[in-house]
Amino acid sequence: SEFLDRQHFPSLTANPVDVTGAGDSLLAAMSVGFIHGFNLMEAAALGTCMAALSVQTVGNVPITLEELMNYFGQRGASIYAG
């Protein structure tokens, strides 16, 4: 089946340090976005930011809401610009 609408997200981290927990971070942030009424694209953008933050440190280090919101605020516009 074909997609009616597609959106490509840019890579937010060119050189990941450790990918441990990146997928879990992406899905967790997207789930929280859905719970708060985000549409698919908004939730995916939030999840992408969370995953980008998670690969910038060694190990599965918790990311605070403040860190995520700051990063999302800085990168959100560039994600939608594609």
PDB file of N, CA and C in Angstrom:
ATOM      1  N   SER A   1       0.839  -1.182   0.000  1.00  0.00           N
ATOM      2  CA  SER A   1       0.000   0.000   0.000  1.00  0.00           C
ATOM      3  C   SER A   1       0.880   1.239   0.000  1.00  0.00           C
ATOM      4  N   GLU A   2       0.394   2.294  -0.598  1.00  0.00           N
ATOM      5  CA  GLU A   2       1.160   3.527  -0.694  1.00  0.00           C
ATOM      6  C   GLU A   2       0.686   4.541   0.332  1.00  0.00           C
ATOM      7  N   PHE A   3       1.594   5.375   0.759  1.00  0.00           N
ATOM      8  CA  PHE A   3       1.257   6.451   1.682  1.00  0.00           C
ATOM      9  C   PHE A   3       0.654   7.609   0.897  1.00  0.00           C
ATOM     10  N   LEU A   4      -0.367   8.213   1.434  1.00  0.00           N
ATOM     11  CA  LEU A   4      -0.963   9.377   0.789  1.00  0.00           C
ATOM     12  C   LEU A   4      -0.158  10.635   1.068  1.00  0.00           C
ATOM     13  N   ASP A   5       0.488  10.673   2.204  1.00  0.00           N
ATOM     14  CA  ASP A   5       1.260  11.839   2.606  1.00  0.00           C
ATOM     15  C   ASP A   5       2.527  11.353   3.293  1.00  0.00           C
ATOM     16  N   ARG A   6       3.645  11.959   2.962  1.00  0.00           N
ATOM     17  CA  ARG A   6       4.914  11.550   3.567  1.00  0.00           C
ATOM     18  C   ARG A   6       5.644  12.762   4.117  1.00  0.00           C
ATOM     19  N   GLN A   7       6.429  12.514   5.131  1.00  0.00           N
ATOM     20  CA  GLN A   7       7.258  13.564   5.708  1.00  0.00           C
ATOM     21  C   GLN A   7       8.602  12.958   6.057  1.00  0.00           C
ATOM     22  N   HIS A   8       9.669  13.568   5.610  1.00  0.00           N
ATOM     23  CA  HIS A   8      11.010  13.099   5.928  1.00  0.00           C
ATOM     24  C   HIS A   8      11.577  13.982   7.029  1.00  0.00           C
ATOM     25  N   PHE A   9      12.165  13.360   8.033  1.00  0.00           N
ATOM     26  CA  PHE A   9      12.778  14.098   9.121  1.00  0.00           C
ATOM     27  C   PHE A   9      14.289  14.087   8.939  1.00  0.00           C
ATOM     28  N   PRO A  10      14.914  15.229   9.099  1.00  0.00           N
ATOM     29  CA  PRO A  10      16.377  15.283   8.960  1.00  0.00           C
ATOM     30  C   PRO A  10      17.056  14.600  10.142  1.00  0.00           C
ATOM     31  N   SER A  11      18.280  14.172   9.921  1.00  0.00           N
ATOM     32  CA  SER A  11      19.064  13.627  11.018  1.00  0.00           C
ATOM     33  C   SER A  11      19.426  14.775  11.949  1.00  0.00           C
ATOM     34  N   LEU A  12      19.137  14.609  13.218  1.00  0.00           N
ATOM     35  CA  LEU A  12      19.441  15.666  14.184  1.00  0.00           C
ATOM     36  C   LEU A  12      20.773  15.445  14.880  1.00  0.00           C
ATOM     37  N   THR A  13      21.350  14.267  14.715  1.00  0.00           N
ATOM     38  CA  THR A  13      22.640  13.956  15.318  1.00  0.00           C
ATOM     39  C   THR A  13      23.509  13.288  14.264  1.00  0.00           C
ATOM     40  N   ALA A  14      24.523  13.988  13.803  1.00  0.00           N
ATOM     41  CA  ALA A  14      25.387  13.467  12.741  1.00  0.00           C
ATOM     42  C   ALA A  14      26.318  12.366  13.243  1.00  0.00           C
ATOM     43  N   ASN A  15      26.780  12.482  14.479  1.00  0.00           N
ATOM     44  CA  ASN A  15      27.731  11.525  15.037  1.00  0.00           C
ATOM     45  C   ASN A  15      27.244  11.008  16.392  1.00  0.00           C
ATOM     46  N   PRO A  16      26.359  10.009  16.380  1.00  0.00           N
ATOM     47  CA  PRO A  16      25.867   9.493  17.666  1.00  0.00           C
ATOM     48  C   PRO A  16      26.990   8.863  18.482  1.00  0.00           C
ATOM     49  N   VAL A  17      26.939   9.070  19.786  1.00  0.00           N
ATOM     50  CA  VAL A  17      27.938   8.519  20.692  1.00  0.00           C
ATOM     51  C   VAL A  17      27.565   7.095  21.083  1.00  0.00           C
ATOM     52  N   ASP A  18      26.304   6.866  21.395  1.00  0.00           N
ATOM     53  CA  ASP A  18      25.816   5.552  21.829  1.00  0.00           C
ATOM     54  C   ASP A  18      24.321   5.476  21.523  1.00  0.00           C
ATOM     55  N   VAL A  19      23.913   4.505  20.756  1.00  0.00           N
ATOM     56  CA  VAL A  19      22.506   4.417  20.340  1.00  0.00           C
ATOM     57  C   VAL A  19      21.637   3.647  21.334  1.00  0.00           C
ATOM     58  N   THR A  20      22.186   3.287  22.474  1.00  0.00           N
ATOM     59  CA  THR A  20      21.416   2.578  23.490  1.00  0.00           C
ATOM     60  C   THR A  20      20.224   3.414  23.931  1.00  0.00           C
ATOM     61  N   GLY A  21      19.039   2.857  23.805  1.00  0.00           N
ATOM     62  CA  GLY A  21      17.832   3.521  24.274  1.00  0.00           C
ATOM     63  C   GLY A  21      17.198   4.486  23.294  1.00  0.00           C
ATOM     64  N   ALA A  22      17.771   4.643  22.102  1.00  0.00           N
ATOM     65  CA  ALA A  22      17.233   5.619  21.149  1.00  0.00           C
ATOM     66  C   ALA A  22      15.815   5.256  20.704  1.00  0.00           C
ATOM     67  N   GLY A  23      15.580   4.001  20.381  1.00  0.00           N
ATOM     68  CA  GLY A  23      14.248   3.577  19.950  1.00  0.00           C
ATOM     69  C   GLY A  23      13.224   3.682  21.055  1.00  0.00           C
ATOM     70  N   ASP A  24      13.618   3.285  22.254  1.00  0.00           N
ATOM     71  CA  ASP A  24      12.718   3.402  23.407  1.00  0.00           C
ATOM     72  C   ASP A  24      12.377   4.864  23.671  1.00  0.00           C
ATOM     73  N   SER A  25      13.369   5.731  23.551  1.00  0.00           N
ATOM     74  CA  SER A  25      13.146   7.163  23.764  1.00  0.00           C
ATOM     75  C   SER A  25      12.191   7.728  22.727  1.00  0.00           C
ATOM     76  N   LEU A  26      12.382   7.339  21.485  1.00  0.00           N
ATOM     77  CA  LEU A  26      11.514   7.800  20.401  1.00  0.00           C
ATOM     78  C   LEU A  26      10.063   7.403  20.668  1.00  0.00           C
ATOM     79  N   LEU A  27       9.846   6.117  20.977  1.00  0.00           N
ATOM     80  CA  LEU A  27       8.479   5.626  21.195  1.00  0.00           C
ATOM     81  C   LEU A  27       7.846   6.216  22.443  1.00  0.00           C
ATOM     82  N   ALA A  28       8.626   6.388  23.491  1.00  0.00           N
ATOM     83  CA  ALA A  28       8.085   6.967  24.730  1.00  0.00           C
ATOM     84  C   ALA A  28       7.647   8.410  24.508  1.00  0.00           C
ATOM     85  N   ALA A  29       8.487   9.192  23.844  1.00  0.00           N
ATOM     86  CA  ALA A  29       8.139  10.595  23.596  1.00  0.00           C
ATOM     87  C   ALA A  29       6.942  10.712  22.661  1.00  0.00           C
ATOM     88  N   MET A  30       6.880   9.869  21.643  1.00  0.00           N
ATOM     89  CA  MET A  30       5.728   9.893  20.743  1.00  0.00           C
ATOM     90  C   MET A  30       4.450   9.540  21.498  1.00  0.00           C
ATOM     91  N   SER A  31       4.528   8.556  22.382  1.00  0.00           N
ATOM     92  CA  SER A  31       3.360   8.158  23.162  1.00  0.00           C
ATOM     93  C   SER A  31       2.864   9.294  24.044  1.00  0.00           C
ATOM     94  N   VAL A  32       3.779   9.976  24.687  1.00  0.00           N
ATOM     95  CA  VAL A  32       3.404  11.121  25.516  1.00  0.00           C
ATOM     96  C   VAL A  32       2.790  12.216  24.644  1.00  0.00           C
ATOM     97  N   GLY A  33       3.353  12.422  23.470  1.00  0.00           N
ATOM     98  CA  GLY A  33       2.789  13.406  22.546  1.00  0.00           C
ATOM     99  C   GLY A  33       1.354  13.068  22.170  1.00  0.00           C
ATOM    100  N   PHE A  34       1.100  11.801  21.860  1.00  0.00           N
ATOM    101  CA  PHE A  34      -0.261  11.372  21.510  1.00  0.00           C
ATOM    102  C   PHE A  34      -1.225  11.585  22.667  1.00  0.00           C
ATOM    103  N   ILE A  35      -0.771  11.273  23.873  1.00  0.00           N
ATOM    104  CA  ILE A  35      -1.617  11.447  25.060  1.00  0.00           C
ATOM    105  C   ILE A  35      -2.006  12.915  25.226  1.00  0.00           C
ATOM    106  N   HIS A  36      -1.111  13.820  24.832  1.00  0.00           N
ATOM    107  CA  HIS A  36      -1.370  15.250  24.971  1.00  0.00           C
ATOM    108  C   HIS A  36      -1.995  15.868  23.724  1.00  0.00           C
ATOM    109  N   GLY A  37      -2.472  15.033  22.803  1.00  0.00           N
ATOM    110  CA  GLY A  37      -3.209  15.539  21.659  1.00  0.00           C
ATOM    111  C   GLY A  37      -2.395  15.914  20.438  1.00  0.00           C
ATOM    112  N   PHE A  38      -1.110  15.559  20.412  1.00  0.00           N
ATOM    113  CA  PHE A  38      -0.299  15.850  19.234  1.00  0.00           C
ATOM    114  C   PHE A  38      -0.786  15.001  18.067  1.00  0.00           C
ATOM    115  N   ASN A  39      -0.674  15.532  16.845  1.00  0.00           N
ATOM    116  CA  ASN A  39      -0.956  14.701  15.683  1.00  0.00           C
ATOM    117  C   ASN A  39       0.289  13.856  15.396  1.00  0.00           C
ATOM    118  N   LEU A  40       0.212  13.004  14.372  1.00  0.00           N
ATOM    119  CA  LEU A  40       1.317  12.091  14.080  1.00  0.00           C
ATOM    120  C   LEU A  40       2.624  12.831  13.807  1.00  0.00           C
ATOM    121  N   MET A  41       2.582  13.889  13.026  1.00  0.00           N
ATOM    122  CA  MET A  41       3.805  14.612  12.681  1.00  0.00           C
ATOM    123  C   MET A  41       4.410  15.310  13.891  1.00  0.00           C
ATOM    124  N   GLU A  42       3.572  15.905  14.722  1.00  0.00           N
ATOM    125  CA  GLU A  42       4.074  16.571  15.933  1.00  0.00           C
ATOM    126  C   GLU A  42       4.683  15.555  16.890  1.00  0.00           C
ATOM    127  N   ALA A  43       4.021  14.425  17.071  1.00  0.00           N
ATOM    128  CA  ALA A  43       4.538  13.386  17.960  1.00  0.00           C
ATOM    129  C   ALA A  43       5.848  12.813  17.425  1.00  0.00           C
ATOM    130  N   ALA A  44       5.931  12.627  16.101  1.00  0.00           N
ATOM    131  CA  ALA A  44       7.161  12.124  15.500  1.00  0.00           C
ATOM    132  C   ALA A  44       8.303  13.125  15.662  1.00  0.00           C
ATOM    133  N   ALA A  45       8.010  14.406  15.526  1.00  0.00           N
ATOM    134  CA  ALA A  45       9.041  15.437  15.711  1.00  0.00           C
ATOM    135  C   ALA A  45       9.547  15.428  17.149  1.00  0.00           C
ATOM    136  N   LEU A  46       8.624  15.320  18.101  1.00  0.00           N
ATOM    137  CA  LEU A  46       9.021  15.261  19.508  1.00  0.00           C
ATOM    138  C   LEU A  46       9.867  14.010  19.765  1.00  0.00           C
ATOM    139  N   GLY A  47       9.429  12.876  19.237  1.00  0.00           N
ATOM    140  CA  GLY A  47      10.171  11.627  19.405  1.00  0.00           C
ATOM    141  C   GLY A  47      11.553  11.683  18.786  1.00  0.00           C
ATOM    142  N   THR A  48      11.653  12.315  17.632  1.00  0.00           N
ATOM    143  CA  THR A  48      12.947  12.452  16.961  1.00  0.00           C
ATOM    144  C   THR A  48      13.910  13.288  17.796  1.00  0.00           C
ATOM    145  N   CYS A  49      13.398  14.344  18.404  1.00  0.00           N
ATOM    146  CA  CYS A  49      14.236  15.177  19.285  1.00  0.00           C
ATOM    147  C   CYS A  49      14.702  14.373  20.495  1.00  0.00           C
ATOM    148  N   MET A  50      13.803  13.598  21.074  1.00  0.00           N
ATOM    149  CA  MET A  50      14.158  12.780  22.239  1.00  0.00           C
ATOM    150  C   MET A  50      15.226  11.747  21.868  1.00  0.00           C
ATOM    151  N   ALA A  51      15.061  11.097  20.723  1.00  0.00           N
ATOM    152  CA  ALA A  51      16.045  10.112  20.282  1.00  0.00           C
ATOM    153  C   ALA A  51      17.396  10.776  20.011  1.00  0.00           C
ATOM    154  N   ALA A  52      17.373  11.961  19.422  1.00  0.00           N
ATOM    155  CA  ALA A  52      18.623  12.681  19.151  1.00  0.00           C
ATOM    156  C   ALA A  52      19.358  13.002  20.446  1.00  0.00           C
ATOM    157  N   LEU A  53      18.625  13.410  21.459  1.00  0.00           N
ATOM    158  CA  LEU A  53      19.256  13.683  22.755  1.00  0.00           C
ATOM    159  C   LEU A  53      19.824  12.408  23.371  1.00  0.00           C
ATOM    160  N   SER A  54      19.107  11.299  23.211  1.00  0.00           N
ATOM    161  CA  SER A  54      19.532  10.058  23.859  1.00  0.00           C
ATOM    162  C   SER A  54      20.816   9.492  23.272  1.00  0.00           C
ATOM    163  N   VAL A  55      21.126   9.790  22.018  1.00  0.00           N
ATOM    164  CA  VAL A  55      22.344   9.243  21.407  1.00  0.00           C
ATOM    165  C   VAL A  55      23.562  10.142  21.601  1.00  0.00           C
ATOM    166  N   GLN A  56      23.405  11.239  22.323  1.00  0.00           N
ATOM    167  CA  GLN A  56      24.516  12.161  22.524  1.00  0.00           C
ATOM    168  C   GLN A  56      25.368  11.845  23.753  1.00  0.00           C
ATOM    169  N   THR A  57      24.961  10.845  24.533  1.00  0.00           N
ATOM    170  CA  THR A  57      25.731  10.451  25.721  1.00  0.00           C
ATOM    171  C   THR A  57      25.934   8.944  25.724  1.00  0.00           C
ATOM    172  N   VAL A  58      26.935   8.489  26.443  1.00  0.00           N
ATOM    173  CA  VAL A  58      27.199   7.063  26.579  1.00  0.00           C
ATOM    174  C   VAL A  58      26.259   6.487  27.631  1.00  0.00           C
ATOM    175  N   GLY A  59      25.602   5.400  27.293  1.00  0.00           N
ATOM    176  CA  GLY A  59      24.683   4.741  28.219  1.00  0.00           C
ATOM    177  C   GLY A  59      23.265   5.259  28.072  1.00  0.00           C
ATOM    178  N   ASN A  60      22.377   4.638  28.798  1.00  0.00           N
ATOM    179  CA  ASN A  60      20.962   4.997  28.766  1.00  0.00           C
ATOM    180  C   ASN A  60      20.695   5.995  29.886  1.00  0.00           C
ATOM    181  N   VAL A  61      20.990   7.264  29.618  1.00  0.00           N
ATOM    182  CA  VAL A  61      20.909   8.328  30.610  1.00  0.00           C
ATOM    183  C   VAL A  61      19.540   9.011  30.513  1.00  0.00           C
ATOM    184  N   PRO A  62      18.844   9.192  31.628  1.00  0.00           N
ATOM    185  CA  PRO A  62      17.540   9.860  31.585  1.00  0.00           C
ATOM    186  C   PRO A  62      17.647  11.288  31.046  1.00  0.00           C
ATOM    187  N   ILE A  63      16.634  11.686  30.298  1.00  0.00           N
ATOM    188  CA  ILE A  63      16.569  13.038  29.739  1.00  0.00           C
ATOM    189  C   ILE A  63      15.431  13.765  30.442  1.00  0.00           C
ATOM    190  N   THR A  64      15.700  14.955  30.931  1.00  0.00           N
ATOM    191  CA  THR A  64      14.666  15.702  31.651  1.00  0.00           C
ATOM    192  C   THR A  64      13.706  16.362  30.663  1.00  0.00           C
ATOM    193  N   LEU A  65      12.530  16.679  31.154  1.00  0.00           N
ATOM    194  CA  LEU A  65      11.545  17.384  30.347  1.00  0.00           C
ATOM    195  C   LEU A  65      12.103  18.727  29.890  1.00  0.00           C
ATOM    196  N   GLU A  66      12.823  19.400  30.765  1.00  0.00           N
ATOM    197  CA  GLU A  66      13.418  20.700  30.428  1.00  0.00           C
ATOM    198  C   GLU A  66      14.408  20.566  29.266  1.00  0.00           C
ATOM    199  N   GLU A  67      15.272  19.529  29.312  1.00  0.00           N
ATOM    200  CA  GLU A  67      16.222  19.304  28.220  1.00  0.00           C
ATOM    201  C   GLU A  67      15.491  19.057  26.903  1.00  0.00           C
ATOM    202  N   LEU A  68      14.453  18.226  26.962  1.00  0.00           N
ATOM    203  CA  LEU A  68      13.697  17.904  25.751  1.00  0.00           C
ATOM    204  C   LEU A  68      13.001  19.139  25.189  1.00  0.00           C
ATOM    205  N   MET A  69      12.353  19.906  26.033  1.00  0.00           N
ATOM    206  CA  MET A  69      11.622  21.076  25.558  1.00  0.00           C
ATOM    207  C   MET A  69      12.563  22.141  24.997  1.00  0.00           C
ATOM    208  N   ASN A  70      13.729  22.316  25.618  1.00  0.00           N
ATOM    209  CA  ASN A  70      14.723  23.254  25.084  1.00  0.00           C
ATOM    210  C   ASN A  70      15.202  22.815  23.710  1.00  0.00           C
ATOM    211  N   TYR A  71      15.502  21.521  23.578  1.00  0.00           N
ATOM    212  CA  TYR A  71      15.979  20.984  22.308  1.00  0.00           C
ATOM    213  C   TYR A  71      14.889  21.078  21.247  1.00  0.00           C
ATOM    214  N   PHE A  72      13.673  20.721  21.620  1.00  0.00           N
ATOM    215  CA  PHE A  72      12.549  20.781  20.692  1.00  0.00           C
ATOM    216  C   PHE A  72      12.299  22.215  20.250  1.00  0.00           C
ATOM    217  N   GLY A  73      12.408  23.148  21.171  1.00  0.00           N
ATOM    218  CA  GLY A  73      12.233  24.563  20.831  1.00  0.00           C
ATOM    219  C   GLY A  73      13.290  25.055  19.858  1.00  0.00           C
ATOM    220  N   GLN A  74      14.515  24.555  20.011  1.00  0.00           N
ATOM    221  CA  GLN A  74      15.604  24.962  19.129  1.00  0.00           C
ATOM    222  C   GLN A  74      15.509  24.300  17.761  1.00  0.00           C
ATOM    223  N   ARG A  75      15.074  23.047  17.730  1.00  0.00           N
ATOM    224  CA  ARG A  75      15.087  22.263  16.501  1.00  0.00           C
ATOM    225  C   ARG A  75      13.740  22.108  15.815  1.00  0.00           C
ATOM    226  N   GLY A  76      12.651  22.380  16.524  1.00  0.00           N
ATOM    227  CA  GLY A  76      11.315  22.125  16.003  1.00  0.00           C
ATOM    228  C   GLY A  76      11.053  22.733  14.641  1.00  0.00           C
ATOM    229  N   ALA A  77      11.429  23.973  14.453  1.00  0.00           N
ATOM    230  CA  ALA A  77      11.182  24.640  13.175  1.00  0.00           C
ATOM    231  C   ALA A  77      11.963  23.991  12.039  1.00  0.00           C
ATOM    232  N   SER A  78      13.202  23.588  12.308  1.00  0.00           N
ATOM    233  CA  SER A  78      14.004  22.975  11.253  1.00  0.00           C
ATOM    234  C   SER A  78      13.489  21.600  10.875  1.00  0.00           C
ATOM    235  N   ILE A  79      12.843  20.909  11.796  1.00  0.00           N
ATOM    236  CA  ILE A  79      12.285  19.590  11.493  1.00  0.00           C
ATOM    237  C   ILE A  79      11.147  19.747  10.490  1.00  0.00           C
ATOM    238  N   TYR A  80      10.281  20.713  10.738  1.00  0.00           N
ATOM    239  CA  TYR A  80       9.134  20.899   9.856  1.00  0.00           C
ATOM    240  C   TYR A  80       9.536  21.473   8.503  1.00  0.00           C
ATOM    241  N   ALA A  81      10.668  22.179   8.457  1.00  0.00           N
ATOM    242  CA  ALA A  81      11.134  22.745   7.184  1.00  0.00           C
ATOM    243  C   ALA A  81      11.639  21.646   6.259  1.00  0.00           C
ATOM    244  N   GLY A  82      12.066  20.496   6.887  1.00  0.00           N
ATOM    245  CA  GLY A  82      12.468  19.319   6.126  1.00  0.00           C
ATOM    246  C   GLY A  82      13.642  19.565   5.273  1.00  0.00           C
TER     247      GLY A  82
END
